[in-house]
Amino acid sequence: MENIKIEISKLDKDFKYEVASRPGASFFKRCFSCGTCTASCPVSEIDENFNPRLFIRQALLGMREQLLSSELLWYCTQCYTCYARCPQDVRFTDVMAVLRDMAVEQGYAPKNMSEKAEKIGLLTQKIRRDLSEYAWKCSSGSKPAEIPEKIKKELAQGLKELE
């Protein structure tokens, strides 16, 4: 995990209030940093730099620029695991959506990033469905050749749409 440098002069004391005033993020200040969100996050399992607890800390500390300019905001798969397991009902998935919207609105992320995130979500759902079907059929004794080809085509098309 990378070290985070906190520059007091760059902290925005009103940032947490701005975040909390947005629909979906009103409970984010409830976070007491237990780490349940990060421990249960499937993205954190594969990328140690993706740390939902840190995102909340950065927002609470007022690290607007550092947080909203981070590409890590866009790694969240919106799976709602953190949302379901949070003992403080922070509703982190909704907070991530708010932070992403703010990043686009305030010029920290490309204007089309929200649209691309939606396309990524749809593409990953399609591929997950096809991989599950493939695993089921292989476990049942057949090995359908058409499913890997379908996955390759979906992935190629999806990558093209993201350019």
C-alpha atoms as a PDB file:
ATOM      1  CA  MET A   1       0.000   0.000   0.000  1.00  0.00           C
ATOM      2  CA  GLU A   2       1.278   3.445  -0.859  1.00  0.00           C
ATOM      3  CA  ASN A   3       2.037   6.030   1.811  1.00  0.00           C
ATOM      4  CA  ILE A   4      -0.392   8.915   1.974  1.00  0.00           C
ATOM      5  CA  LYS A   5       1.078  12.338   2.585  1.00  0.00           C
ATOM      6  CA  ILE A   6      -1.190  14.771   4.416  1.00  0.00           C
ATOM      7  CA  GLU A   7      -0.481  18.440   3.783  1.00  0.00           C
ATOM      8  CA  ILE A   8      -2.345  20.494   6.360  1.00  0.00           C
ATOM      9  CA  SER A   9      -2.440  23.562   4.104  1.00  0.00           C
ATOM     10  CA  LYS A  10      -4.338  21.594   1.427  1.00  0.00           C
ATOM     11  CA  LEU A  11      -7.055  20.220   3.714  1.00  0.00           C
ATOM     12  CA  ASP A  12     -10.578  21.459   3.046  1.00  0.00           C
ATOM     13  CA  LYS A  13     -12.425  21.611   6.374  1.00  0.00           C
ATOM     14  CA  ASP A  14     -15.799  21.865   4.612  1.00  0.00           C
ATOM     15  CA  PHE A  15     -15.331  18.875   2.304  1.00  0.00           C
ATOM     16  CA  LYS A  16     -16.890  16.355   4.690  1.00  0.00           C
ATOM     17  CA  TYR A  17     -19.984  18.545   5.023  1.00  0.00           C
ATOM     18  CA  GLU A  18     -20.231  18.896   1.266  1.00  0.00           C
ATOM     19  CA  VAL A  19     -20.039  15.119   0.846  1.00  0.00           C
ATOM     20  CA  ALA A  20     -22.550  14.495   3.656  1.00  0.00           C
ATOM     21  CA  SER A  21     -25.013  16.989   2.145  1.00  0.00           C
ATOM     22  CA  ARG A  22     -25.370  14.860  -0.981  1.00  0.00           C
ATOM     23  CA  PRO A  23     -28.178  12.304  -1.265  1.00  0.00           C
ATOM     24  CA  GLY A  24     -26.712   8.900  -0.431  1.00  0.00           C
ATOM     25  CA  ALA A  25     -23.817  10.150   1.677  1.00  0.00           C
ATOM     26  CA  SER A  26     -25.581  11.557   4.705  1.00  0.00           C
ATOM     27  CA  PHE A  27     -24.395   8.704   6.961  1.00  0.00           C
ATOM     28  CA  PHE A  28     -20.738   8.642   5.964  1.00  0.00           C
ATOM     29  CA  LYS A  29     -19.606  10.613   9.023  1.00  0.00           C
ATOM     30  CA  ARG A  30     -20.786   7.676  11.192  1.00  0.00           C
ATOM     31  CA  CYS A  31     -17.688   5.703  10.186  1.00  0.00           C
ATOM     32  CA  PHE A  32     -15.503   4.788  13.162  1.00  0.00           C
ATOM     33  CA  SER A  33     -12.868   3.154  10.964  1.00  0.00           C
ATOM     34  CA  CYS A  34     -13.456  -0.467  11.987  1.00  0.00           C
ATOM     35  CA  GLY A  35     -12.265  -1.766   8.608  1.00  0.00           C
ATOM     36  CA  THR A  36     -15.187  -4.095   7.896  1.00  0.00           C
ATOM     37  CA  CYS A  37     -15.695  -2.429   4.505  1.00  0.00           C
ATOM     38  CA  THR A  38     -12.105  -3.016   3.427  1.00  0.00           C
ATOM     39  CA  ALA A  39     -11.927  -6.531   4.911  1.00  0.00           C
ATOM     40  CA  SER A  40     -15.029  -7.630   2.998  1.00  0.00           C
ATOM     41  CA  CYS A  41     -14.296  -5.827  -0.279  1.00  0.00           C
ATOM     42  CA  PRO A  42     -13.579  -8.086  -3.267  1.00  0.00           C
ATOM     43  CA  VAL A  43     -11.575  -5.327  -4.957  1.00  0.00           C
ATOM     44  CA  SER A  44      -9.355  -4.951  -1.878  1.00  0.00           C
ATOM     45  CA  GLU A  45      -8.619  -8.678  -2.135  1.00  0.00           C
ATOM     46  CA  ILE A  46      -6.960  -8.185  -5.518  1.00  0.00           C
ATOM     47  CA  ASP A  47      -5.593  -4.639  -5.110  1.00  0.00           C
ATOM     48  CA  GLU A  48      -4.169  -3.683  -1.722  1.00  0.00           C
ATOM     49  CA  ASN A  49      -4.276   0.002  -2.691  1.00  0.00           C
ATOM     50  CA  PHE A  50      -8.085  -0.078  -2.854  1.00  0.00           C
ATOM     51  CA  ASN A  51      -9.069   0.785   0.688  1.00  0.00           C
ATOM     52  CA  PRO A  52     -12.645   1.954   1.353  1.00  0.00           C
ATOM     53  CA  ARG A  53     -11.796   2.865   4.951  1.00  0.00           C
ATOM     54  CA  LEU A  54      -9.051   5.170   3.678  1.00  0.00           C
ATOM     55  CA  PHE A  55     -11.468   6.893   1.280  1.00  0.00           C
ATOM     56  CA  ILE A  56     -13.758   7.736   4.199  1.00  0.00           C
ATOM     57  CA  ARG A  57     -10.792   8.988   6.256  1.00  0.00           C
ATOM     58  CA  GLN A  58      -9.621  11.181   3.376  1.00  0.00           C
ATOM     59  CA  ALA A  59     -13.100  12.667   2.990  1.00  0.00           C
ATOM     60  CA  LEU A  60     -13.409  13.302   6.729  1.00  0.00           C
ATOM     61  CA  LEU A  61      -9.977  14.929   6.851  1.00  0.00           C
ATOM     62  CA  GLY A  62     -10.785  17.187   3.901  1.00  0.00           C
ATOM     63  CA  MET A  63      -8.405  15.675   1.365  1.00  0.00           C
ATOM     64  CA  ARG A  64     -10.609  16.741  -1.563  1.00  0.00           C
ATOM     65  CA  GLU A  65      -8.016  16.885  -4.334  1.00  0.00           C
ATOM     66  CA  GLN A  66      -6.187  13.716  -3.344  1.00  0.00           C
ATOM     67  CA  LEU A  67      -9.411  11.721  -3.028  1.00  0.00           C
ATOM     68  CA  LEU A  68     -11.374  13.018  -6.006  1.00  0.00           C
ATOM     69  CA  SER A  69      -8.414  12.788  -8.376  1.00  0.00           C
ATOM     70  CA  SER A  70      -7.682   9.156  -7.469  1.00  0.00           C
ATOM     71  CA  GLU A  71      -8.391   6.579 -10.147  1.00  0.00           C
ATOM     72  CA  LEU A  72      -9.022   4.129  -7.300  1.00  0.00           C
ATOM     73  CA  LEU A  73     -12.511   5.645  -6.898  1.00  0.00           C
ATOM     74  CA  TRP A  74     -13.407   3.997 -10.166  1.00  0.00           C
ATOM     75  CA  TYR A  75     -12.277   0.503  -9.143  1.00  0.00           C
ATOM     76  CA  CYS A  76     -15.317  -0.053  -6.915  1.00  0.00           C
ATOM     77  CA  THR A  77     -17.589  -2.668  -8.476  1.00  0.00           C
ATOM     78  CA  GLN A  78     -20.673  -1.402  -6.629  1.00  0.00           C
ATOM     79  CA  CYS A  79     -21.289  -4.914  -5.261  1.00  0.00           C
ATOM     80  CA  TYR A  80     -22.805  -3.624  -1.992  1.00  0.00           C
ATOM     81  CA  THR A  81     -20.810  -6.026   0.201  1.00  0.00           C
ATOM     82  CA  CYS A  82     -19.456  -3.151   2.293  1.00  0.00           C
ATOM     83  CA  TYR A  83     -22.919  -1.616   2.447  1.00  0.00           C
ATOM     84  CA  ALA A  84     -24.434  -4.816   3.807  1.00  0.00           C
ATOM     85  CA  ARG A  85     -21.713  -5.473   6.388  1.00  0.00           C
ATOM     86  CA  CYS A  86     -21.049  -2.002   7.789  1.00  0.00           C
ATOM     87  CA  PRO A  87     -21.984  -1.931  11.503  1.00  0.00           C
ATOM     88  CA  GLN A  88     -22.518   1.845  11.329  1.00  0.00           C
ATOM     89  CA  ASP A  89     -24.731   1.808   8.219  1.00  0.00           C
ATOM     90  CA  VAL A  90     -22.364   4.169   6.379  1.00  0.00           C
ATOM     91  CA  ARG A  91     -23.799   2.987   3.038  1.00  0.00           C
ATOM     92  CA  PHE A  92     -20.387   3.104   1.436  1.00  0.00           C
ATOM     93  CA  THR A  93     -21.541   2.094  -2.053  1.00  0.00           C
ATOM     94  CA  ASP A  94     -23.730   5.190  -2.144  1.00  0.00           C
ATOM     95  CA  VAL A  95     -20.856   7.304  -0.812  1.00  0.00           C
ATOM     96  CA  MET A  96     -18.665   6.023  -3.661  1.00  0.00           C
ATOM     97  CA  ALA A  97     -21.309   7.075  -6.187  1.00  0.00           C
ATOM     98  CA  VAL A  98     -21.386  10.542  -4.608  1.00  0.00           C
ATOM     99  CA  LEU A  99     -17.585  10.822  -4.666  1.00  0.00           C
ATOM    100  CA  ARG A 100     -17.500   9.745  -8.315  1.00  0.00           C
ATOM    101  CA  ASP A 101     -20.142  12.313  -9.218  1.00  0.00           C
ATOM    102  CA  MET A 102     -18.206  15.002  -7.382  1.00  0.00           C
ATOM    103  CA  ALA A 103     -14.976  13.985  -9.113  1.00  0.00           C
ATOM    104  CA  VAL A 104     -16.604  14.443 -12.523  1.00  0.00           C
ATOM    105  CA  GLU A 105     -18.477  17.633 -11.583  1.00  0.00           C
ATOM    106  CA  GLN A 106     -15.375  19.274 -10.138  1.00  0.00           C
ATOM    107  CA  GLY A 107     -13.081  18.316 -13.020  1.00  0.00           C
ATOM    108  CA  TYR A 108     -10.951  15.729 -11.233  1.00  0.00           C
ATOM    109  CA  ALA A 109     -12.138  12.894 -13.515  1.00  0.00           C
ATOM    110  CA  PRO A 110     -12.969  12.803 -17.235  1.00  0.00           C
ATOM    111  CA  LYS A 111     -16.539  13.870 -18.006  1.00  0.00           C
ATOM    112  CA  ASN A 112     -17.393  10.491 -19.557  1.00  0.00           C
ATOM    113  CA  MET A 113     -16.040   8.417 -16.658  1.00  0.00           C
ATOM    114  CA  SER A 114     -19.459   7.752 -15.076  1.00  0.00           C
ATOM    115  CA  GLU A 115     -20.755   6.419 -18.380  1.00  0.00           C
ATOM    116  CA  LYS A 116     -17.678   4.244 -18.772  1.00  0.00           C
ATOM    117  CA  ALA A 117     -18.085   2.885 -15.230  1.00  0.00           C
ATOM    118  CA  GLU A 118     -21.635   1.821 -16.113  1.00  0.00           C
ATOM    119  CA  LYS A 119     -20.376   0.073 -19.254  1.00  0.00           C
ATOM    120  CA  ILE A 120     -17.709  -1.710 -17.225  1.00  0.00           C
ATOM    121  CA  GLY A 121     -20.354  -2.893 -14.758  1.00  0.00           C
ATOM    122  CA  LEU A 122     -22.544  -4.291 -17.515  1.00  0.00           C
ATOM    123  CA  LEU A 123     -19.598  -5.951 -19.261  1.00  0.00           C
ATOM    124  CA  THR A 124     -18.363  -7.620 -16.088  1.00  0.00           C
ATOM    125  CA  GLN A 125     -21.858  -8.930 -15.341  1.00  0.00           C
ATOM    126  CA  LYS A 126     -22.094 -10.458 -18.816  1.00  0.00           C
ATOM    127  CA  ILE A 127     -18.673 -12.066 -18.524  1.00  0.00           C
ATOM    128  CA  ARG A 128     -19.400 -13.320 -14.995  1.00  0.00           C
ATOM    129  CA  ARG A 129     -22.638 -14.892 -16.211  1.00  0.00           C
ATOM    130  CA  ASP A 130     -20.875 -16.598 -19.110  1.00  0.00           C
ATOM    131  CA  LEU A 131     -18.019 -17.829 -16.903  1.00  0.00           C
ATOM    132  CA  SER A 132     -20.550 -19.257 -14.444  1.00  0.00           C
ATOM    133  CA  GLU A 133     -22.382 -21.015 -17.261  1.00  0.00           C
ATOM    134  CA  TYR A 134     -19.077 -22.392 -18.543  1.00  0.00           C
ATOM    135  CA  ALA A 135     -18.045 -23.631 -15.072  1.00  0.00           C
ATOM    136  CA  TRP A 136     -21.464 -25.260 -14.592  1.00  0.00           C
ATOM    137  CA  LYS A 137     -21.307 -27.065 -17.907  1.00  0.00           C
ATOM    138  CA  CYS A 138     -17.701 -28.173 -17.391  1.00  0.00           C
ATOM    139  CA  SER A 139     -18.618 -29.488 -13.932  1.00  0.00           C
ATOM    140  CA  SER A 140     -21.489 -31.384 -15.540  1.00  0.00           C
ATOM    141  CA  GLY A 141     -19.148 -33.164 -17.917  1.00  0.00           C
ATOM    142  CA  SER A 142     -19.405 -31.068 -21.076  1.00  0.00           C
ATOM    143  CA  LYS A 143     -16.927 -28.473 -22.287  1.00  0.00           C
ATOM    144  CA  PRO A 144     -18.770 -26.109 -24.645  1.00  0.00           C
ATOM    145  CA  ALA A 145     -16.392 -24.420 -27.078  1.00  0.00           C
ATOM    146  CA  GLU A 146     -18.821 -21.607 -27.916  1.00  0.00           C
ATOM    147  CA  ILE A 147     -18.758 -19.993 -24.457  1.00  0.00           C
ATOM    148  CA  PRO A 148     -15.034 -19.053 -24.421  1.00  0.00           C
ATOM    149  CA  GLU A 149     -15.475 -17.582 -27.894  1.00  0.00           C
ATOM    150  CA  LYS A 150     -18.523 -15.626 -26.721  1.00  0.00           C
ATOM    151  CA  ILE A 151     -16.524 -14.267 -23.770  1.00  0.00           C
ATOM    152  CA  LYS A 152     -13.649 -13.215 -26.040  1.00  0.00           C
ATOM    153  CA  LYS A 153     -16.065 -11.377 -28.340  1.00  0.00           C
ATOM    154  CA  GLU A 154     -17.854  -9.647 -25.451  1.00  0.00           C
ATOM    155  CA  LEU A 155     -14.543  -8.561 -23.962  1.00  0.00           C
ATOM    156  CA  ALA A 156     -13.186  -7.284 -27.284  1.00  0.00           C
ATOM    157  CA  GLN A 157     -16.392  -5.335 -27.936  1.00  0.00           C
ATOM    158  CA  GLY A 158     -16.407  -3.958 -24.391  1.00  0.00           C
ATOM    159  CA  LEU A 159     -12.797  -2.798 -24.628  1.00  0.00           C
ATOM    160  CA  LYS A 160     -13.570  -1.087 -27.926  1.00  0.00           C
ATOM    161  CA  GLU A 161     -16.511   0.771 -26.349  1.00  0.00           C
ATOM    162  CA  LEU A 162     -14.261   2.026 -23.541  1.00  0.00           C
ATOM    163  CA  GLU A 163     -11.706   3.656 -25.869  1.00  0.00           C
END
